C-alpha atoms as a PDB file:
ATOM      1  CA  UNK A   1     110.539  12.748 111.197  1.00  0.00           C
ATOM      2  CA  UNK A   2     112.705  13.746 108.269  1.00  0.00           C
ATOM      3  CA  UNK A   3     111.584  17.383 108.661  1.00  0.00           C
ATOM      4  CA  UNK A   4     113.232  18.017 112.058  1.00  0.00           C
ATOM      5  CA  UNK A   5     116.400  16.243 110.940  1.00  0.00           C
ATOM      6  CA  UNK A   6     116.661  18.439 107.850  1.00  0.00           C
ATOM      7  CA  UNK A   7     115.985  21.541 109.926  1.00  0.00           C
ATOM      8  CA  UNK A   8     118.671  20.607 112.420  1.00  0.00           C
ATOM      9  CA  UNK A   9     121.066  19.940 109.572  1.00  0.00           C
ATOM     10  CA  UNK A  10     120.267  23.329 108.017  1.00  0.00           C
ATOM     11  CA  UNK A  11     120.754  25.024 111.399  1.00  0.00           C
ATOM     12  CA  UNK A  12     124.065  23.226 111.840  1.00  0.00           C
ATOM     13  CA  UNK A  13     125.151  24.341 108.378  1.00  0.00           C
ATOM     14  CA  UNK A  14     124.199  27.930 109.161  1.00  0.00           C
ATOM     15  CA  UNK A  15     126.122  27.821 112.442  1.00  0.00           C
ATOM     16  CA  UNK A  16     129.133  26.297 110.690  1.00  0.00           C
ATOM     17  CA  UNK A  17     128.978  29.048 108.046  1.00  0.00           C
ATOM     18  CA  UNK A  18     128.850  31.704 110.779  1.00  0.00           C
ATOM     19  CA  UNK A  19     131.806  30.137 112.555  1.00  0.00           C
ATOM     20  CA  UNK A  20     133.804  29.997 109.319  1.00  0.00           C
ATOM     21  CA  UNK A  21     133.005  33.686 108.719  1.00  0.00           C
ATOM     22  CA  UNK A  22     134.230  34.576 112.222  1.00  0.00           C
ATOM     23  CA  UNK A  23     137.464  32.673 111.621  1.00  0.00           C
ATOM     24  CA  UNK A  24     137.939  34.349 108.237  1.00  0.00           C
ATOM     25  CA  UNK A  25     137.185  37.734 109.758  1.00  0.00           C
ATOM     26  CA  UNK A  26     139.604  37.152 112.644  1.00  0.00           C
ATOM     27  CA  UNK A  27     142.275  36.027 110.176  1.00  0.00           C
ATOM     28  CA  UNK A  28     141.781  39.234 108.169  1.00  0.00           C
ATOM     29  CA  UNK A  29     142.031  41.259 111.384  1.00  0.00           C
ATOM     30  CA  UNK A  30     145.274  39.483 112.289  1.00  0.00           C
ATOM     31  CA  UNK A  31     146.672  40.247 108.828  1.00  0.00           C
ATOM     32  CA  UNK A  32     145.794  43.936 109.229  1.00  0.00           C
ATOM     33  CA  UNK A  33     147.413  43.970 112.657  1.00  0.00           C
ATOM     34  CA  UNK A  34     150.580  42.447 111.190  1.00  0.00           C
ATOM     35  CA  UNK A  35     150.684  45.233 108.590  1.00  0.00           C
ATOM     36  CA  UNK A  36     150.060  47.941 111.178  1.00  0.00           C
ATOM     37  CA  UNK A  37     152.540  46.950 113.900  1.00  0.00           C
ATOM     38  CA  UNK A  38     155.736  47.602 111.899  1.00  0.00           C
ATOM     39  CA  UNK A  39     154.592  51.202 111.379  1.00  0.00           C
ATOM     40  CA  UNK A  40     154.985  51.974 115.080  1.00  0.00           C
ATOM     41  CA  UNK A  41     158.214  53.764 115.981  1.00  0.00           C
ATOM     42  CA  UNK A  42     160.165  53.208 119.169  1.00  0.00           C
ATOM     43  CA  UNK A  43     158.557  56.246 120.839  1.00  0.00           C
ATOM     44  CA  UNK A  44     155.059  54.813 120.299  1.00  0.00           C
ATOM     45  CA  UNK A  45     154.147  57.012 117.344  1.00  0.00           C
ATOM     46  CA  UNK A  46     152.944  55.722 113.994  1.00  0.00           C
ATOM     47  CA  UNK A  47     154.038  56.842 110.544  1.00  0.00           C
ATOM     48  CA  UNK A  48     151.762  58.495 108.028  1.00  0.00           C
ATOM     49  CA  UNK A  49     151.565  55.243 106.056  1.00  0.00           C
ATOM     50  CA  UNK A  50     148.774  54.193 108.439  1.00  0.00           C
ATOM     51  CA  UNK A  51     146.072  55.595 106.158  1.00  0.00           C
ATOM     52  CA  UNK A  52     147.190  53.532 103.158  1.00  0.00           C
ATOM     53  CA  UNK A  53     147.984  50.335 105.087  1.00  0.00           C
ATOM     54  CA  UNK A  54     144.612  50.297 106.824  1.00  0.00           C
ATOM     55  CA  UNK A  55     142.754  51.077 103.614  1.00  0.00           C
ATOM     56  CA  UNK A  56     141.239  54.231 105.061  1.00  0.00           C
ATOM     57  CA  UNK A  57     139.785  56.863 102.732  1.00  0.00           C
ATOM     58  CA  UNK A  58     142.276  59.516 101.652  1.00  0.00           C
ATOM     59  CA  UNK A  59     140.172  62.074 103.521  1.00  0.00           C
ATOM     60  CA  UNK A  60     141.358  60.378 106.739  1.00  0.00           C
ATOM     61  CA  UNK A  61     144.854  61.721 106.030  1.00  0.00           C
ATOM     62  CA  UNK A  62     143.732  65.273 106.858  1.00  0.00           C
ATOM     63  CA  UNK A  63     145.622  65.783 110.088  1.00  0.00           C
ATOM     64  CA  UNK A  64     143.143  67.680 112.271  1.00  0.00           C
ATOM     65  CA  UNK A  65     145.605  70.529 112.803  1.00  0.00           C
ATOM     66  CA  UNK A  66     148.206  68.415 114.608  1.00  0.00           C
ATOM     67  CA  UNK A  67     151.596  66.965 113.722  1.00  0.00           C
ATOM     68  CA  UNK A  68     151.386  64.164 111.121  1.00  0.00           C
ATOM     69  CA  UNK A  69     152.818  61.565 113.539  1.00  0.00           C
ATOM     70  CA  UNK A  70     150.283  62.560 116.204  1.00  0.00           C
ATOM     71  CA  UNK A  71     147.407  62.233 113.740  1.00  0.00           C
ATOM     72  CA  UNK A  72     148.652  58.898 112.331  1.00  0.00           C
ATOM     73  CA  UNK A  73     149.029  57.615 115.887  1.00  0.00           C
ATOM     74  CA  UNK A  74     145.499  58.692 116.801  1.00  0.00           C
ATOM     75  CA  UNK A  75     144.144  56.941 113.693  1.00  0.00           C
ATOM     76  CA  UNK A  76     146.084  53.775 114.496  1.00  0.00           C
ATOM     77  CA  UNK A  77     144.916  53.765 118.121  1.00  0.00           C
ATOM     78  CA  UNK A  78     141.270  54.227 117.205  1.00  0.00           C
ATOM     79  CA  UNK A  79     141.537  51.598 114.482  1.00  0.00           C
ATOM     80  CA  UNK A  80     142.910  49.118 117.003  1.00  0.00           C
ATOM     81  CA  UNK A  81     140.179  49.902 119.521  1.00  0.00           C
ATOM     82  CA  UNK A  82     137.284  49.864 117.067  1.00  0.00           C
ATOM     83  CA  UNK A  83     138.099  47.628 114.131  1.00  0.00           C
ATOM     84  CA  UNK A  84     140.477  45.154 115.801  1.00  0.00           C
ATOM     85  CA  UNK A  85     138.781  44.932 119.196  1.00  0.00           C
ATOM     86  CA  UNK A  86     138.607  41.128 118.954  1.00  0.00           C
ATOM     87  CA  UNK A  87     142.429  41.023 119.016  1.00  0.00           C
ATOM     88  CA  UNK A  88     142.808  43.284 122.048  1.00  0.00           C
ATOM     89  CA  UNK A  89     145.213  40.929 123.823  1.00  0.00           C
ATOM     90  CA  UNK A  90     147.527  41.110 120.812  1.00  0.00           C
ATOM     91  CA  UNK A  91     147.741  44.908 120.631  1.00  0.00           C
ATOM     92  CA  UNK A  92     147.134  46.139 124.172  1.00  0.00           C
ATOM     93  CA  UNK A  93     150.790  46.983 124.884  1.00  0.00           C
ATOM     94  CA  UNK A  94     151.157  48.690 121.509  1.00  0.00           C
ATOM     95  CA  UNK A  95     148.107  50.835 122.280  1.00  0.00           C
ATOM     96  CA  UNK A  96     149.464  51.738 125.711  1.00  0.00           C
ATOM     97  CA  UNK A  97     152.692  52.960 124.173  1.00  0.00           C
ATOM     98  CA  UNK A  98     150.754  54.967 121.581  1.00  0.00           C
ATOM     99  CA  UNK A  99     148.572  56.549 124.270  1.00  0.00           C
ATOM    100  CA  UNK A 100     151.703  57.575 126.179  1.00  0.00           C
ATOM    101  CA  UNK A 101     153.154  59.126 123.034  1.00  0.00           C
ATOM    102  CA  UNK A 102     149.921  61.005 122.343  1.00  0.00           C
ATOM    103  CA  UNK A 103     149.601  62.314 125.909  1.00  0.00           C
ATOM    104  CA  UNK A 104     153.190  63.560 125.860  1.00  0.00           C
ATOM    105  CA  UNK A 105     152.859  65.153 122.409  1.00  0.00           C
ATOM    106  CA  UNK A 106     149.552  66.827 123.244  1.00  0.00           C
ATOM    107  CA  UNK A 107     150.782  68.053 126.615  1.00  0.00           C
ATOM    108  CA  UNK A 108     153.519  69.944 124.792  1.00  0.00           C
ATOM    109  CA  UNK A 109     150.992  71.637 122.503  1.00  0.00           C
ATOM    110  CA  UNK A 110     148.045  71.931 124.894  1.00  0.00           C
ATOM    111  CA  UNK A 111     145.939  69.549 122.795  1.00  0.00           C
ATOM    112  CA  UNK A 112     143.021  67.464 124.042  1.00  0.00           C
ATOM    113  CA  UNK A 113     143.418  63.676 123.679  1.00  0.00           C
ATOM    114  CA  UNK A 114     139.696  62.878 123.916  1.00  0.00           C
ATOM    115  CA  UNK A 115     138.885  65.439 121.229  1.00  0.00           C
ATOM    116  CA  UNK A 116     141.667  64.147 118.976  1.00  0.00           C
ATOM    117  CA  UNK A 117     140.447  60.548 119.331  1.00  0.00           C
ATOM    118  CA  UNK A 118     136.883  61.671 118.553  1.00  0.00           C
ATOM    119  CA  UNK A 119     138.174  63.298 115.363  1.00  0.00           C
ATOM    120  CA  UNK A 120     140.066  60.126 114.489  1.00  0.00           C
ATOM    121  CA  UNK A 121     136.919  58.023 115.058  1.00  0.00           C
ATOM    122  CA  UNK A 122     135.024  60.298 112.683  1.00  0.00           C
ATOM    123  CA  UNK A 123     137.815  60.061 110.107  1.00  0.00           C
ATOM    124  CA  UNK A 124     137.723  56.262 110.037  1.00  0.00           C
ATOM    125  CA  UNK A 125     133.938  56.170 110.140  1.00  0.00           C
ATOM    126  CA  UNK A 126     133.599  54.640 113.581  1.00  0.00           C
END
């Protein structure tokens, strides 16, 4: 009977380890979110510091032929949606404001939001 008890104990340890990893991961996500949020300006745009703060490769800074604030905002929005999805409730309003900024900025230049976000996803490797 010791076999099943040991197995259960091992399974419980594995589950506890997984749960601890999820907590650690969520804590790291929250820390990233706390670094990202101050970079948003009142109009909903993000500054170019997004690439460094999020630890993205320097190649992600290439601005896809749009204004630097538009590109940084697209990167931030995609990062929120893809890498910080578990914290959606915490950043939903921020993302809405960023989307509004992007729509307005792209309307002025005739840009395509879906295409820009696809480019941003590629840039962050999502």
